[in-house]
Amino acid sequence: MKGIQAEIYLLGIVIIWGSTFAIIKGVLDQIPTFTFLAYRFLLAALILY
Protein backbone atom coordinates (compact mmCIF):
# COMPACT_ATOMS: atom_id res chain seq x y z
CA MET A 1 0.00 0.00 0.00
CA LYS A 2 2.87 2.42 0.71
CA GLY A 3 4.13 2.14 -2.87
CA ILE A 4 0.75 3.10 -4.31
CA GLN A 5 0.41 5.99 -1.87
CA ALA A 6 3.85 7.31 -2.84
CA GLU A 7 2.94 7.14 -6.53
CA ILE A 8 -0.30 9.04 -5.89
CA TYR A 9 1.64 11.77 -4.06
CA LEU A 10 4.17 11.97 -6.90
CA LEU A 11 1.37 12.21 -9.45
CA GLY A 12 -0.16 15.09 -7.48
CA ILE A 13 3.18 16.90 -7.39
CA VAL A 14 3.63 16.45 -11.13
CA ILE A 15 0.14 17.81 -11.82
CA ILE A 16 0.73 20.87 -9.63
CA TRP A 17 4.22 21.47 -11.03
CA GLY A 18 3.03 21.09 -14.62
CA SER A 19 0.07 23.41 -14.16
CA THR A 20 2.26 26.24 -12.90
CA PHE A 21 3.64 26.82 -16.41
CA ALA A 22 0.18 27.51 -17.81
CA ILE A 23 -0.71 29.70 -14.83
CA ILE A 24 2.48 31.74 -15.16
CA LYS A 25 1.87 32.22 -18.88
CA GLY A 26 -1.62 33.54 -18.16
CA VAL A 27 -0.41 35.84 -15.39
CA LEU A 28 2.36 37.31 -17.54
CA ASP A 29 -0.28 38.36 -20.07
CA GLN A 30 -1.89 40.49 -17.33
CA ILE A 31 1.04 42.05 -15.42
CA PRO A 32 4.63 43.02 -16.30
CA THR A 33 7.37 40.44 -15.89
CA PHE A 34 9.32 42.24 -13.17
CA THR A 35 6.18 42.89 -11.13
CA PHE A 36 5.42 39.18 -11.25
CA LEU A 37 8.98 38.36 -10.20
CA ALA A 38 8.76 40.81 -7.29
CA TYR A 39 5.54 39.18 -6.07
CA ARG A 40 7.02 35.73 -6.53
CA PHE A 41 10.17 36.48 -4.53
CA LEU A 42 8.19 38.34 -1.87
CA LEU A 43 5.95 35.31 -1.40
CA ALA A 44 8.99 33.01 -1.24
CA ALA A 45 10.66 35.27 1.35
CA LEU A 46 7.53 35.30 3.50
CA ILE A 47 7.24 31.52 3.32
CA LEU A 48 10.90 31.02 4.23
CA TYR A 49 10.73 33.55 7.06
C-alpha atoms as a PDB file:
ATOM      1  CA  MET A   1       0.000   0.000   0.000  1.00  0.00           C
ATOM      2  CA  LYS A   2       2.866   2.423   0.710  1.00  0.00           C
ATOM      3  CA  GLY A   3       4.125   2.145  -2.869  1.00  0.00           C
ATOM      4  CA  ILE A   4       0.750   3.100  -4.310  1.00  0.00           C
ATOM      5  CA  GLN A   5       0.405   5.992  -1.872  1.00  0.00           C
ATOM      6  CA  ALA A   6       3.852   7.310  -2.842  1.00  0.00           C
ATOM      7  CA  GLU A   7       2.945   7.137  -6.527  1.00  0.00           C
ATOM      8  CA  ILE A   8      -0.296   9.042  -5.886  1.00  0.00           C
ATOM      9  CA  TYR A   9       1.644  11.769  -4.059  1.00  0.00           C
ATOM     10  CA  LEU A  10       4.169  11.970  -6.897  1.00  0.00           C
ATOM     11  CA  LEU A  11       1.367  12.214  -9.446  1.00  0.00           C
ATOM     12  CA  GLY A  12      -0.164  15.088  -7.479  1.00  0.00           C
ATOM     13  CA  ILE A  13       3.179  16.895  -7.389  1.00  0.00           C
ATOM     14  CA  VAL A  14       3.634  16.447 -11.135  1.00  0.00           C
ATOM     15  CA  ILE A  15       0.143  17.813 -11.822  1.00  0.00           C
ATOM     16  CA  ILE A  16       0.733  20.869  -9.627  1.00  0.00           C
ATOM     17  CA  TRP A  17       4.218  21.469 -11.033  1.00  0.00           C
ATOM     18  CA  GLY A  18       3.030  21.090 -14.618  1.00  0.00           C
ATOM     19  CA  SER A  19       0.067  23.408 -14.165  1.00  0.00           C
ATOM     20  CA  THR A  20       2.264  26.239 -12.903  1.00  0.00           C
ATOM     21  CA  PHE A  21       3.644  26.818 -16.412  1.00  0.00           C
ATOM     22  CA  ALA A  22       0.176  27.510 -17.807  1.00  0.00           C
ATOM     23  CA  ILE A  23      -0.711  29.697 -14.826  1.00  0.00           C
ATOM     24  CA  ILE A  24       2.484  31.740 -15.160  1.00  0.00           C
ATOM     25  CA  LYS A  25       1.874  32.217 -18.879  1.00  0.00           C
ATOM     26  CA  GLY A  26      -1.620  33.542 -18.158  1.00  0.00           C
ATOM     27  CA  VAL A  27      -0.411  35.838 -15.392  1.00  0.00           C
ATOM     28  CA  LEU A  28       2.356  37.308 -17.541  1.00  0.00           C
ATOM     29  CA  ASP A  29      -0.278  38.362 -20.071  1.00  0.00           C
ATOM     30  CA  GLN A  30      -1.886  40.490 -17.330  1.00  0.00           C
ATOM     31  CA  ILE A  31       1.042  42.045 -15.416  1.00  0.00           C
ATOM     32  CA  PRO A  32       4.632  43.018 -16.299  1.00  0.00           C
ATOM     33  CA  THR A  33       7.373  40.435 -15.889  1.00  0.00           C
ATOM     34  CA  PHE A  34       9.321  42.242 -13.171  1.00  0.00           C
ATOM     35  CA  THR A  35       6.183  42.888 -11.132  1.00  0.00           C
ATOM     36  CA  PHE A  36       5.421  39.176 -11.246  1.00  0.00           C
ATOM     37  CA  LEU A  37       8.979  38.358 -10.199  1.00  0.00           C
ATOM     38  CA  ALA A  38       8.757  40.810  -7.293  1.00  0.00           C
ATOM     39  CA  TYR A  39       5.537  39.183  -6.069  1.00  0.00           C
ATOM     40  CA  ARG A  40       7.018  35.732  -6.532  1.00  0.00           C
ATOM     41  CA  PHE A  41      10.168  36.477  -4.532  1.00  0.00           C
ATOM     42  CA  LEU A  42       8.185  38.341  -1.874  1.00  0.00           C
ATOM     43  CA  LEU A  43       5.953  35.311  -1.405  1.00  0.00           C
ATOM     44  CA  ALA A  44       8.993  33.014  -1.242  1.00  0.00           C
ATOM     45  CA  ALA A  45      10.659  35.266   1.345  1.00  0.00           C
ATOM     46  CA  LEU A  46       7.527  35.300   3.502  1.00  0.00           C
ATOM     47  CA  ILE A  47       7.244  31.520   3.319  1.00  0.00           C
ATOM     48  CA  LEU A  48      10.904  31.024   4.229  1.00  0.00           C
ATOM     49  CA  TYR A  49      10.733  33.548   7.056  1.00  0.00           C
END
